[in-house]
Every structure is written in structure tokens, then in C-alpha cells.
Amino acid sequence: MNQIQTNTMKAKFNGKCVECGESIKVGKEILKNSEDKWVHKACSDLEEELP
């Protein structure tokens, strides 16, 4: 079974979401997408694993 591990964290720097093009502000929840780039949590194309 292939498990995708996603880790949500809070942004430490301002940046830009490569999925929606909007800015990522410090403190917003972000995670990496399937291309290993940081995006908004809601913009990720990966589903977060439930505990």
C-alpha cells in the first residue's frame, strides 16, 4: 500500500501559492502538493491522512 504523508504547518514566511496564485501570509496553514511545492492547505491536490 502506498501512503502519502502530508504535514500541515504554519507559514514562517510570506510567499505565493503555486496552485491558486494568491499570496501565502505568515501564519497561514500550508502543506506540500504532489510537486513538492508549498501551497495553501485548501489548495493542495493531496488528501491529508486521517489519524
PDB file of N, CA and C in Angstrom:
ATOM      1  N   MET A   1       0.846  -1.187   0.000  1.00  0.00           N
ATOM      2  CA  MET A   1       0.000   0.000   0.000  1.00  0.00           C
ATOM      3  C   MET A   1       0.886   1.244   0.000  1.00  0.00           C
ATOM      4  N   ASN A   2       0.577   2.198  -0.852  1.00  0.00           N
ATOM      5  CA  ASN A   2       1.359   3.430  -0.975  1.00  0.00           C
ATOM      6  C   ASN A   2       0.654   4.531  -0.202  1.00  0.00           C
ATOM      7  N   GLN A   3       1.250   4.980   0.889  1.00  0.00           N
ATOM      8  CA  GLN A   3       0.663   6.039   1.688  1.00  0.00           C
ATOM      9  C   GLN A   3       1.340   7.360   1.376  1.00  0.00           C
ATOM     10  N   ILE A   4       0.532   8.381   1.217  1.00  0.00           N
ATOM     11  CA  ILE A   4       1.051   9.726   1.018  1.00  0.00           C
ATOM     12  C   ILE A   4       1.017  10.426   2.368  1.00  0.00           C
ATOM     13  N   GLN A   5       2.156  10.917   2.781  1.00  0.00           N
ATOM     14  CA  GLN A   5       2.232  11.579   4.066  1.00  0.00           C
ATOM     15  C   GLN A   5       2.247  13.082   3.847  1.00  0.00           C
ATOM     16  N   THR A   6       1.281  13.763   4.446  1.00  0.00           N
ATOM     17  CA  THR A   6       1.235  15.215   4.333  1.00  0.00           C
ATOM     18  C   THR A   6       1.340  15.815   5.717  1.00  0.00           C
ATOM     19  N   ASN A   7       2.079  16.878   5.809  1.00  0.00           N
ATOM     20  CA  ASN A   7       2.259  17.562   7.083  1.00  0.00           C
ATOM     21  C   ASN A   7       1.880  19.020   6.925  1.00  0.00           C
ATOM     22  N   THR A   8       0.789  19.403   7.575  1.00  0.00           N
ATOM     23  CA  THR A   8       0.377  20.792   7.566  1.00  0.00           C
ATOM     24  C   THR A   8       1.226  21.555   8.569  1.00  0.00           C
ATOM     25  N   MET A   9       1.627  22.752   8.182  1.00  0.00           N
ATOM     26  CA  MET A   9       2.355  23.610   9.105  1.00  0.00           C
ATOM     27  C   MET A   9       1.954  25.053   8.860  1.00  0.00           C
ATOM     28  N   LYS A  10       2.358  25.927   9.754  1.00  0.00           N
ATOM     29  CA  LYS A  10       2.064  27.351   9.580  1.00  0.00           C
ATOM     30  C   LYS A  10       3.222  28.006   8.843  1.00  0.00           C
ATOM     31  N   ALA A  11       2.879  28.843   7.873  1.00  0.00           N
ATOM     32  CA  ALA A  11       3.894  29.525   7.069  1.00  0.00           C
ATOM     33  C   ALA A  11       4.760  30.422   7.957  1.00  0.00           C
ATOM     34  N   LYS A  12       6.061  30.326   7.772  1.00  0.00           N
ATOM     35  CA  LYS A  12       7.005  31.159   8.520  1.00  0.00           C
ATOM     36  C   LYS A  12       7.403  32.399   7.722  1.00  0.00           C
ATOM     37  N   PHE A  13       7.115  32.370   6.419  1.00  0.00           N
ATOM     38  CA  PHE A  13       7.466  33.475   5.527  1.00  0.00           C
ATOM     39  C   PHE A  13       6.290  33.756   4.602  1.00  0.00           C
ATOM     40  N   ASN A  14       6.218  34.979   4.095  1.00  0.00           N
ATOM     41  CA  ASN A  14       5.236  35.297   3.068  1.00  0.00           C
ATOM     42  C   ASN A  14       5.685  34.652   1.767  1.00  0.00           C
ATOM     43  N   GLY A  15       4.750  34.207   0.961  1.00  0.00           N
ATOM     44  CA  GLY A  15       5.075  33.589  -0.315  1.00  0.00           C
ATOM     45  C   GLY A  15       3.885  33.614  -1.239  1.00  0.00           C
ATOM     46  N   LYS A  16       3.936  32.765  -2.271  1.00  0.00           N
ATOM     47  CA  LYS A  16       2.858  32.715  -3.255  1.00  0.00           C
ATOM     48  C   LYS A  16       2.477  31.264  -3.485  1.00  0.00           C
ATOM     49  N   CYS A  17       1.198  30.986  -3.474  1.00  0.00           N
ATOM     50  CA  CYS A  17       0.685  29.644  -3.706  1.00  0.00           C
ATOM     51  C   CYS A  17       0.750  29.350  -5.206  1.00  0.00           C
ATOM     52  N   VAL A  18       1.430  28.261  -5.580  1.00  0.00           N
ATOM     53  CA  VAL A  18       1.563  27.926  -6.997  1.00  0.00           C
ATOM     54  C   VAL A  18       0.278  27.326  -7.568  1.00  0.00           C
ATOM     55  N   GLU A  19      -0.658  26.950  -6.716  1.00  0.00           N
ATOM     56  CA  GLU A  19      -1.929  26.386  -7.189  1.00  0.00           C
ATOM     57  C   GLU A  19      -2.932  27.486  -7.554  1.00  0.00           C
ATOM     58  N   CYS A  20      -3.158  28.443  -6.640  1.00  0.00           N
ATOM     59  CA  CYS A  20      -4.181  29.472  -6.881  1.00  0.00           C
ATOM     60  C   CYS A  20      -3.596  30.825  -7.270  1.00  0.00           C
ATOM     61  N   GLY A  21      -2.294  31.012  -7.053  1.00  0.00           N
ATOM     62  CA  GLY A  21      -1.660  32.275  -7.408  1.00  0.00           C
ATOM     63  C   GLY A  21      -1.808  33.368  -6.355  1.00  0.00           C
ATOM     64  N   GLU A  22      -2.550  33.093  -5.294  1.00  0.00           N
ATOM     65  CA  GLU A  22      -2.733  34.081  -4.229  1.00  0.00           C
ATOM     66  C   GLU A  22      -1.531  34.058  -3.295  1.00  0.00           C
ATOM     67  N   SER A  23      -1.393  35.111  -2.500  1.00  0.00           N
ATOM     68  CA  SER A  23      -0.269  35.165  -1.576  1.00  0.00           C
ATOM     69  C   SER A  23      -0.501  34.257  -0.373  1.00  0.00           C
ATOM     70  N   ILE A  24       0.596  33.760   0.168  1.00  0.00           N
ATOM     71  CA  ILE A  24       0.573  32.983   1.408  1.00  0.00           C
ATOM     72  C   ILE A  24       1.157  33.893   2.473  1.00  0.00           C
ATOM     73  N   LYS A  25       0.378  34.184   3.485  1.00  0.00           N
ATOM     74  CA  LYS A  25       0.800  35.079   4.562  1.00  0.00           C
ATOM     75  C   LYS A  25       1.375  34.280   5.727  1.00  0.00           C
ATOM     76  N   VAL A  26       2.281  34.876   6.454  1.00  0.00           N
ATOM     77  CA  VAL A  26       2.859  34.261   7.645  1.00  0.00           C
ATOM     78  C   VAL A  26       1.727  33.826   8.576  1.00  0.00           C
ATOM     79  N   GLY A  27       1.805  32.588   9.053  1.00  0.00           N
ATOM     80  CA  GLY A  27       0.809  32.066   9.989  1.00  0.00           C
ATOM     81  C   GLY A  27      -0.293  31.249   9.349  1.00  0.00           C
ATOM     82  N   LYS A  28      -0.436  31.316   8.028  1.00  0.00           N
ATOM     83  CA  LYS A  28      -1.460  30.529   7.340  1.00  0.00           C
ATOM     84  C   LYS A  28      -1.045  29.072   7.283  1.00  0.00           C
ATOM     85  N   GLU A  29      -2.021  28.159   7.295  1.00  0.00           N
ATOM     86  CA  GLU A  29      -1.708  26.734   7.200  1.00  0.00           C
ATOM     87  C   GLU A  29      -1.346  26.382   5.760  1.00  0.00           C
ATOM     88  N   ILE A  30      -0.213  25.714   5.611  1.00  0.00           N
ATOM     89  CA  ILE A  30       0.279  25.313   4.296  1.00  0.00           C
ATOM     90  C   ILE A  30       0.717  23.860   4.343  1.00  0.00           C
ATOM     91  N   LEU A  31       0.828  23.261   3.178  1.00  0.00           N
ATOM     92  CA  LEU A  31       1.420  21.926   3.051  1.00  0.00           C
ATOM     93  C   LEU A  31       1.927  21.763   1.641  1.00  0.00           C
ATOM     94  N   LYS A  32       2.700  20.708   1.406  1.00  0.00           N
ATOM     95  CA  LYS A  32       3.276  20.487   0.082  1.00  0.00           C
ATOM     96  C   LYS A  32       2.284  19.758  -0.809  1.00  0.00           C
ATOM     97  N   ASN A  33       2.310  20.103  -2.101  1.00  0.00           N
ATOM     98  CA  ASN A  33       1.442  19.423  -3.061  1.00  0.00           C
ATOM     99  C   ASN A  33       2.191  18.249  -3.694  1.00  0.00           C
ATOM    100  N   SER A  34       1.607  17.643  -4.706  1.00  0.00           N
ATOM    101  CA  SER A  34       2.217  16.466  -5.332  1.00  0.00           C
ATOM    102  C   SER A  34       3.528  16.796  -6.047  1.00  0.00           C
ATOM    103  N   GLU A  35       3.776  18.077  -6.315  1.00  0.00           N
ATOM    104  CA  GLU A  35       5.021  18.502  -6.956  1.00  0.00           C
ATOM    105  C   GLU A  35       6.047  18.979  -5.932  1.00  0.00           C
ATOM    106  N   ASP A  36       5.770  18.715  -4.645  1.00  0.00           N
ATOM    107  CA  ASP A  36       6.664  19.060  -3.544  1.00  0.00           C
ATOM    108  C   ASP A  36       6.847  20.572  -3.393  1.00  0.00           C
ATOM    109  N   LYS A  37       5.790  21.332  -3.691  1.00  0.00           N
ATOM    110  CA  LYS A  37       5.820  22.789  -3.544  1.00  0.00           C
ATOM    111  C   LYS A  37       4.814  23.185  -2.471  1.00  0.00           C
ATOM    112  N   TRP A  38       5.142  24.224  -1.703  1.00  0.00           N
ATOM    113  CA  TRP A  38       4.257  24.677  -0.635  1.00  0.00           C
ATOM    114  C   TRP A  38       3.065  25.421  -1.204  1.00  0.00           C
ATOM    115  N   VAL A  39       1.871  25.053  -0.730  1.00  0.00           N
ATOM    116  CA  VAL A  39       0.615  25.664  -1.168  1.00  0.00           C
ATOM    117  C   VAL A  39      -0.300  25.846   0.047  1.00  0.00           C
ATOM    118  N   HIS A  40      -1.376  26.633  -0.130  1.00  0.00           N
ATOM    119  CA  HIS A  40      -2.386  26.726   0.925  1.00  0.00           C
ATOM    120  C   HIS A  40      -2.916  25.326   1.223  1.00  0.00           C
ATOM    121  N   LYS A  41      -3.280  25.093   2.448  1.00  0.00           N
ATOM    122  CA  LYS A  41      -3.833  23.788   2.836  1.00  0.00           C
ATOM    123  C   LYS A  41      -5.030  23.440   1.946  1.00  0.00           C
ATOM    124  N   ALA A  42      -5.909  24.394   1.686  1.00  0.00           N
ATOM    125  CA  ALA A  42      -7.103  24.153   0.880  1.00  0.00           C
ATOM    126  C   ALA A  42      -6.790  23.948  -0.605  1.00  0.00           C
ATOM    127  N   CYS A  43      -5.622  24.375  -1.053  1.00  0.00           N
ATOM    128  CA  CYS A  43      -5.259  24.272  -2.469  1.00  0.00           C
ATOM    129  C   CYS A  43      -4.504  22.986  -2.806  1.00  0.00           C
ATOM    130  N   SER A  44      -4.097  22.234  -1.809  1.00  0.00           N
ATOM    131  CA  SER A  44      -3.297  21.036  -2.062  1.00  0.00           C
ATOM    132  C   SER A  44      -4.079  20.004  -2.857  1.00  0.00           C
ATOM    133  N   ASP A  45      -3.390  19.335  -3.772  1.00  0.00           N
ATOM    134  CA  ASP A  45      -4.026  18.274  -4.546  1.00  0.00           C
ATOM    135  C   ASP A  45      -3.861  16.914  -3.873  1.00  0.00           C
ATOM    136  N   LEU A  46      -3.312  16.925  -2.670  1.00  0.00           N
ATOM    137  CA  LEU A  46      -3.156  15.694  -1.892  1.00  0.00           C
ATOM    138  C   LEU A  46      -4.162  15.703  -0.751  1.00  0.00           C
ATOM    139  N   GLU A  47      -4.663  14.532  -0.415  1.00  0.00           N
ATOM    140  CA  GLU A  47      -5.582  14.461   0.715  1.00  0.00           C
ATOM    141  C   GLU A  47      -4.806  14.157   1.971  1.00  0.00           C
ATOM    142  N   GLU A  48      -5.135  14.865   3.017  1.00  0.00           N
ATOM    143  CA  GLU A  48      -4.446  14.660   4.287  1.00  0.00           C
ATOM    144  C   GLU A  48      -4.924  13.355   4.925  1.00  0.00           C
ATOM    145  N   GLU A  49      -3.969  12.587   5.406  1.00  0.00           N
ATOM    146  CA  GLU A  49      -4.291  11.309   6.055  1.00  0.00           C
ATOM    147  C   GLU A  49      -4.999  11.570   7.374  1.00  0.00           C
ATOM    148  N   LEU A  50      -6.058  10.832   7.623  1.00  0.00           N
ATOM    149  CA  LEU A  50      -6.764  10.951   8.899  1.00  0.00           C
ATOM    150  C   LEU A  50      -6.134  10.008   9.913  1.00  0.00           C
ATOM    151  N   PRO A  51      -6.100  10.414  11.167  1.00  0.00           N
ATOM    152  CA  PRO A  51      -5.484   9.548  12.187  1.00  0.00           C
ATOM    153  C   PRO A  51      -6.278   8.280  12.422  1.00  0.00           C
TER     154      PRO A  51
END
